[in-house]
Amino acid sequence: MGKFTPQDIDLFQELQWAYAKRMVNRPLKESFIVREIKEFKWPEPVCKDMGKRKTMIIKMYL
């Protein structure tokens, strides 16, 4: 890993913000291509089912 100065980190943050602002101000159709892939099969989950989130259960009763 390299050594970075505080100025390097500031510059990187400025570049990130400039990119984010550019992305949110352009039309979505210029940023994404969406197409249906009928033969796509979702893989089996790699982790076990942990059940319902307790926060969601609590919200249902409020």
PDB file of N, CA and C in Angstrom:
ATOM      1  N   MET A   1       0.841  -1.178   0.000  1.00  0.00           N
ATOM      2  CA  MET A   1       0.000   0.000   0.000  1.00  0.00           C
ATOM      3  C   MET A   1       0.887   1.242   0.000  1.00  0.00           C
ATOM      4  N   GLY A   2       0.380   2.265  -0.632  1.00  0.00           N
ATOM      5  CA  GLY A   2       1.143   3.500  -0.728  1.00  0.00           C
ATOM      6  C   GLY A   2       0.949   4.393   0.475  1.00  0.00           C
ATOM      7  N   LYS A   3       1.740   5.434   0.495  1.00  0.00           N
ATOM      8  CA  LYS A   3       1.619   6.454   1.542  1.00  0.00           C
ATOM      9  C   LYS A   3       0.872   7.629   0.936  1.00  0.00           C
ATOM     10  N   PHE A   4      -0.125   8.118   1.621  1.00  0.00           N
ATOM     11  CA  PHE A   4      -0.930   9.213   1.111  1.00  0.00           C
ATOM     12  C   PHE A   4      -0.898  10.383   2.077  1.00  0.00           C
ATOM     13  N   THR A   5      -0.821  11.566   1.519  1.00  0.00           N
ATOM     14  CA  THR A   5      -0.823  12.779   2.331  1.00  0.00           C
ATOM     15  C   THR A   5      -2.262  13.214   2.579  1.00  0.00           C
ATOM     16  N   PRO A   6      -2.475  14.086   3.549  1.00  0.00           N
ATOM     17  CA  PRO A   6      -3.825  14.617   3.745  1.00  0.00           C
ATOM     18  C   PRO A   6      -4.355  15.306   2.475  1.00  0.00           C
ATOM     19  N   GLN A   7      -3.466  15.934   1.720  1.00  0.00           N
ATOM     20  CA  GLN A   7      -3.882  16.584   0.472  1.00  0.00           C
ATOM     21  C   GLN A   7      -4.363  15.550  -0.554  1.00  0.00           C
ATOM     22  N   ASP A   8      -3.703  14.394  -0.593  1.00  0.00           N
ATOM     23  CA  ASP A   8      -4.138  13.319  -1.489  1.00  0.00           C
ATOM     24  C   ASP A   8      -5.549  12.856  -1.133  1.00  0.00           C
ATOM     25  N   ILE A   9      -5.803  12.714   0.144  1.00  0.00           N
ATOM     26  CA  ILE A   9      -7.115  12.253   0.604  1.00  0.00           C
ATOM     27  C   ILE A   9      -8.176  13.305   0.291  1.00  0.00           C
ATOM     28  N   ASP A  10      -7.846  14.582   0.509  1.00  0.00           N
ATOM     29  CA  ASP A  10      -8.781  15.660   0.173  1.00  0.00           C
ATOM     30  C   ASP A  10      -9.101  15.662  -1.320  1.00  0.00           C
ATOM     31  N   LEU A  11      -8.084  15.500  -2.156  1.00  0.00           N
ATOM     32  CA  LEU A  11      -8.285  15.469  -3.599  1.00  0.00           C
ATOM     33  C   LEU A  11      -9.169  14.291  -3.996  1.00  0.00           C
ATOM     34  N   PHE A  12      -8.912  13.137  -3.413  1.00  0.00           N
ATOM     35  CA  PHE A  12      -9.720  11.953  -3.711  1.00  0.00           C
ATOM     36  C   PHE A  12     -11.179  12.189  -3.344  1.00  0.00           C
ATOM     37  N   GLN A  13     -11.421  12.804  -2.189  1.00  0.00           N
ATOM     38  CA  GLN A  13     -12.789  13.092  -1.769  1.00  0.00           C
ATOM     39  C   GLN A  13     -13.454  14.067  -2.746  1.00  0.00           C
ATOM     40  N   GLU A  14     -12.729  15.075  -3.197  1.00  0.00           N
ATOM     41  CA  GLU A  14     -13.276  16.022  -4.169  1.00  0.00           C
ATOM     42  C   GLU A  14     -13.653  15.306  -5.465  1.00  0.00           C
ATOM     43  N   LEU A  15     -12.793  14.390  -5.918  1.00  0.00           N
ATOM     44  CA  LEU A  15     -13.083  13.633  -7.134  1.00  0.00           C
ATOM     45  C   LEU A  15     -14.318  12.756  -6.958  1.00  0.00           C
ATOM     46  N   GLN A  16     -14.454  12.142  -5.773  1.00  0.00           N
ATOM     47  CA  GLN A  16     -15.634  11.311  -5.504  1.00  0.00           C
ATOM     48  C   GLN A  16     -16.913  12.142  -5.564  1.00  0.00           C
ATOM     49  N   TRP A  17     -16.895  13.338  -4.930  1.00  0.00           N
ATOM     50  CA  TRP A  17     -18.080  14.196  -4.940  1.00  0.00           C
ATOM     51  C   TRP A  17     -18.402  14.673  -6.348  1.00  0.00           C
ATOM     52  N   ALA A  18     -17.381  15.025  -7.120  1.00  0.00           N
ATOM     53  CA  ALA A  18     -17.610  15.472  -8.491  1.00  0.00           C
ATOM     54  C   ALA A  18     -18.265  14.362  -9.305  1.00  0.00           C
ATOM     55  N   TYR A  19     -17.799  13.138  -9.138  1.00  0.00           N
ATOM     56  CA  TYR A  19     -18.376  11.992  -9.849  1.00  0.00           C
ATOM     57  C   TYR A  19     -19.830  11.769  -9.418  1.00  0.00           C
ATOM     58  N   ALA A  20     -20.079  11.799  -8.113  1.00  0.00           N
ATOM     59  CA  ALA A  20     -21.433  11.577  -7.598  1.00  0.00           C
ATOM     60  C   ALA A  20     -22.385  12.644  -8.126  1.00  0.00           C
ATOM     61  N   LYS A  21     -21.968  13.912  -8.118  1.00  0.00           N
ATOM     62  CA  LYS A  21     -22.818  14.995  -8.618  1.00  0.00           C
ATOM     63  C   LYS A  21     -23.105  14.813 -10.107  1.00  0.00           C
ATOM     64  N   ARG A  22     -22.094  14.398 -10.861  1.00  0.00           N
ATOM     65  CA  ARG A  22     -22.280  14.179 -12.294  1.00  0.00           C
ATOM     66  C   ARG A  22     -23.283  13.040 -12.533  1.00  0.00           C
ATOM     67  N   MET A  23     -23.199  11.983 -11.744  1.00  0.00           N
ATOM     68  CA  MET A  23     -24.088  10.832 -11.928  1.00  0.00           C
ATOM     69  C   MET A  23     -25.543  11.168 -11.602  1.00  0.00           C
ATOM     70  N   VAL A  24     -25.785  11.911 -10.534  1.00  0.00           N
ATOM     71  CA  VAL A  24     -27.169  12.199 -10.155  1.00  0.00           C
ATOM     72  C   VAL A  24     -27.808  13.262 -11.044  1.00  0.00           C
ATOM     73  N   ASN A  25     -27.011  13.971 -11.811  1.00  0.00           N
ATOM     74  CA  ASN A  25     -27.554  15.008 -12.679  1.00  0.00           C
ATOM     75  C   ASN A  25     -27.690  14.580 -14.130  1.00  0.00           C
ATOM     76  N   ARG A  26     -27.391  13.347 -14.440  1.00  0.00           N
ATOM     77  CA  ARG A  26     -27.564  12.890 -15.817  1.00  0.00           C
ATOM     78  C   ARG A  26     -28.780  11.979 -15.896  1.00  0.00           C
ATOM     79  N   PRO A  27     -29.425  11.906 -17.042  1.00  0.00           N
ATOM     80  CA  PRO A  27     -30.599  11.041 -17.183  1.00  0.00           C
ATOM     81  C   PRO A  27     -30.244   9.575 -16.930  1.00  0.00           C
ATOM     82  N   LEU A  28     -31.132   8.870 -16.244  1.00  0.00           N
ATOM     83  CA  LEU A  28     -30.880   7.465 -15.921  1.00  0.00           C
ATOM     84  C   LEU A  28     -30.653   6.624 -17.166  1.00  0.00           C
ATOM     85  N   LYS A  29     -31.381   6.923 -18.243  1.00  0.00           N
ATOM     86  CA  LYS A  29     -31.232   6.099 -19.444  1.00  0.00           C
ATOM     87  C   LYS A  29     -29.827   6.205 -20.043  1.00  0.00           C
ATOM     88  N   GLU A  30     -29.064   7.218 -19.654  1.00  0.00           N
ATOM     89  CA  GLU A  30     -27.675   7.330 -20.103  1.00  0.00           C
ATOM     90  C   GLU A  30     -26.708   6.601 -19.176  1.00  0.00           C
ATOM     91  N   SER A  31     -27.198   6.187 -18.013  1.00  0.00           N
ATOM     92  CA  SER A  31     -26.326   5.577 -17.013  1.00  0.00           C
ATOM     93  C   SER A  31     -26.497   4.066 -16.887  1.00  0.00           C
ATOM     94  N   PHE A  32     -27.650   3.545 -17.284  1.00  0.00           N
ATOM     95  CA  PHE A  32     -27.934   2.131 -17.081  1.00  0.00           C
ATOM     96  C   PHE A  32     -28.547   1.508 -18.318  1.00  0.00           C
ATOM     97  N   ILE A  33     -28.285   0.249 -18.501  1.00  0.00           N
ATOM     98  CA  ILE A  33     -28.954  -0.557 -19.509  1.00  0.00           C
ATOM     99  C   ILE A  33     -29.642  -1.687 -18.753  1.00  0.00           C
ATOM    100  N   VAL A  34     -30.946  -1.749 -18.877  1.00  0.00           N
ATOM    101  CA  VAL A  34     -31.713  -2.784 -18.188  1.00  0.00           C
ATOM    102  C   VAL A  34     -32.316  -3.701 -19.242  1.00  0.00           C
ATOM    103  N   ARG A  35     -32.081  -4.993 -19.064  1.00  0.00           N
ATOM    104  CA  ARG A  35     -32.685  -5.954 -19.975  1.00  0.00           C
ATOM    105  C   ARG A  35     -33.023  -7.220 -19.207  1.00  0.00           C
ATOM    106  N   GLU A  36     -34.048  -7.888 -19.659  1.00  0.00           N
ATOM    107  CA  GLU A  36     -34.485  -9.125 -19.031  1.00  0.00           C
ATOM    108  C   GLU A  36     -33.675 -10.280 -19.603  1.00  0.00           C
ATOM    109  N   ILE A  37     -33.208 -11.130 -18.710  1.00  0.00           N
ATOM    110  CA  ILE A  37     -32.488 -12.338 -19.127  1.00  0.00           C
ATOM    111  C   ILE A  37     -33.345 -13.517 -18.660  1.00  0.00           C
ATOM    112  N   LYS A  38     -34.171 -14.020 -19.556  1.00  0.00           N
ATOM    113  CA  LYS A  38     -35.149 -15.049 -19.179  1.00  0.00           C
ATOM    114  C   LYS A  38     -34.502 -16.334 -18.676  1.00  0.00           C
ATOM    115  N   GLU A  39     -33.322 -16.667 -19.176  1.00  0.00           N
ATOM    116  CA  GLU A  39     -32.684 -17.919 -18.763  1.00  0.00           C
ATOM    117  C   GLU A  39     -31.853 -17.782 -17.478  1.00  0.00           C
ATOM    118  N   PHE A  40     -31.830 -16.566 -16.891  1.00  0.00           N
ATOM    119  CA  PHE A  40     -31.046 -16.360 -15.665  1.00  0.00           C
ATOM    120  C   PHE A  40     -31.658 -17.122 -14.505  1.00  0.00           C
ATOM    121  N   LYS A  41     -30.834 -17.828 -13.763  1.00  0.00           N
ATOM    122  CA  LYS A  41     -31.277 -18.558 -12.569  1.00  0.00           C
ATOM    123  C   LYS A  41     -30.559 -17.972 -11.350  1.00  0.00           C
ATOM    124  N   TRP A  42     -31.343 -17.540 -10.378  1.00  0.00           N
ATOM    125  CA  TRP A  42     -30.740 -17.015  -9.161  1.00  0.00           C
ATOM    126  C   TRP A  42     -30.021 -18.137  -8.426  1.00  0.00           C
ATOM    127  N   PRO A  43     -28.794 -17.888  -7.956  1.00  0.00           N
ATOM    128  CA  PRO A  43     -28.072 -18.923  -7.212  1.00  0.00           C
ATOM    129  C   PRO A  43     -28.706 -19.123  -5.834  1.00  0.00           C
ATOM    130  N   GLU A  44     -28.470 -20.267  -5.270  1.00  0.00           N
ATOM    131  CA  GLU A  44     -28.930 -20.526  -3.911  1.00  0.00           C
ATOM    132  C   GLU A  44     -28.182 -19.606  -2.951  1.00  0.00           C
ATOM    133  N   PRO A  45     -28.854 -19.120  -1.902  1.00  0.00           N
ATOM    134  CA  PRO A  45     -28.174 -18.259  -0.929  1.00  0.00           C
ATOM    135  C   PRO A  45     -26.998 -18.994  -0.283  1.00  0.00           C
ATOM    136  N   VAL A  46     -25.927 -18.259  -0.038  1.00  0.00           N
ATOM    137  CA  VAL A  46     -24.737 -18.877   0.555  1.00  0.00           C
ATOM    138  C   VAL A  46     -24.787 -18.864   2.082  1.00  0.00           C
ATOM    139  N   CYS A  47     -25.721 -18.100   2.654  1.00  0.00           N
ATOM    140  CA  CYS A  47     -25.841 -18.096   4.115  1.00  0.00           C
ATOM    141  C   CYS A  47     -27.228 -18.587   4.504  1.00  0.00           C
ATOM    142  N   LYS A  48     -27.339 -19.071   5.706  1.00  0.00           N
ATOM    143  CA  LYS A  48     -28.613 -19.644   6.139  1.00  0.00           C
ATOM    144  C   LYS A  48     -29.644 -18.548   6.368  1.00  0.00           C
ATOM    145  N   ASP A  49     -30.907 -18.923   6.314  1.00  0.00           N
ATOM    146  CA  ASP A  49     -32.003 -17.999   6.554  1.00  0.00           C
ATOM    147  C   ASP A  49     -32.015 -17.655   8.040  1.00  0.00           C
ATOM    148  N   MET A  50     -31.917 -16.381   8.343  1.00  0.00           N
ATOM    149  CA  MET A  50     -31.878 -15.949   9.742  1.00  0.00           C
ATOM    150  C   MET A  50     -33.262 -15.573  10.269  1.00  0.00           C
ATOM    151  N   GLY A  51     -34.291 -15.754   9.456  1.00  0.00           N
ATOM    152  CA  GLY A  51     -35.644 -15.420   9.890  1.00  0.00           C
ATOM    153  C   GLY A  51     -35.953 -13.954   9.678  1.00  0.00           C
ATOM    154  N   LYS A  52     -37.087 -13.508  10.223  1.00  0.00           N
ATOM    155  CA  LYS A  52     -37.501 -12.121  10.068  1.00  0.00           C
ATOM    156  C   LYS A  52     -36.672 -11.222  10.974  1.00  0.00           C
ATOM    157  N   ARG A  53     -36.411 -10.023  10.470  1.00  0.00           N
ATOM    158  CA  ARG A  53     -35.713  -9.041  11.303  1.00  0.00           C
ATOM    159  C   ARG A  53     -36.627  -8.600  12.434  1.00  0.00           C
ATOM    160  N   LYS A  54     -36.097  -8.520  13.624  1.00  0.00           N
ATOM    161  CA  LYS A  54     -36.908  -8.106  14.768  1.00  0.00           C
ATOM    162  C   LYS A  54     -37.372  -6.669  14.620  1.00  0.00           C
ATOM    163  N   THR A  55     -36.568  -5.819  13.988  1.00  0.00           N
ATOM    164  CA  THR A  55     -36.983  -4.429  13.817  1.00  0.00           C
ATOM    165  C   THR A  55     -38.243  -4.345  12.973  1.00  0.00           C
ATOM    166  N   MET A  56     -38.379  -5.230  11.984  1.00  0.00           N
ATOM    167  CA  MET A  56     -39.570  -5.222  11.142  1.00  0.00           C
ATOM    168  C   MET A  56     -40.779  -5.717  11.921  1.00  0.00           C
ATOM    169  N   ILE A  57     -40.588  -6.707  12.769  1.00  0.00           N
ATOM    170  CA  ILE A  57     -41.685  -7.234  13.580  1.00  0.00           C
ATOM    171  C   ILE A  57     -42.172  -6.153  14.547  1.00  0.00           C
ATOM    172  N   ILE A  58     -41.244  -5.428  15.160  1.00  0.00           N
ATOM    173  CA  ILE A  58     -41.609  -4.360  16.096  1.00  0.00           C
ATOM    174  C   ILE A  58     -42.394  -3.281  15.372  1.00  0.00           C
ATOM    175  N   LYS A  59     -41.968  -2.889  14.166  1.00  0.00           N
ATOM    176  CA  LYS A  59     -42.654  -1.853  13.403  1.00  0.00           C
ATOM    177  C   LYS A  59     -44.084  -2.263  13.067  1.00  0.00           C
ATOM    178  N   MET A  60     -44.321  -3.547  12.863  1.00  0.00           N
ATOM    179  CA  MET A  60     -45.664  -4.009  12.521  1.00  0.00           C
ATOM    180  C   MET A  60     -46.632  -3.775  13.676  1.00  0.00           C
ATOM    181  N   TYR A  61     -46.142  -3.769  14.907  1.00  0.00           N
ATOM    182  CA  TYR A  61     -47.007  -3.638  16.063  1.00  0.00           C
ATOM    183  C   TYR A  61     -47.077  -2.214  16.585  1.00  0.00           C
ATOM    184  N   LEU A  62     -46.367  -1.286  15.974  1.00  0.00           N
ATOM    185  CA  LEU A  62     -46.416   0.114  16.441  1.00  0.00           C
ATOM    186  C   LEU A  62     -47.507   0.879  15.760  1.00  0.00           C
TER     187      LEU A  62
END
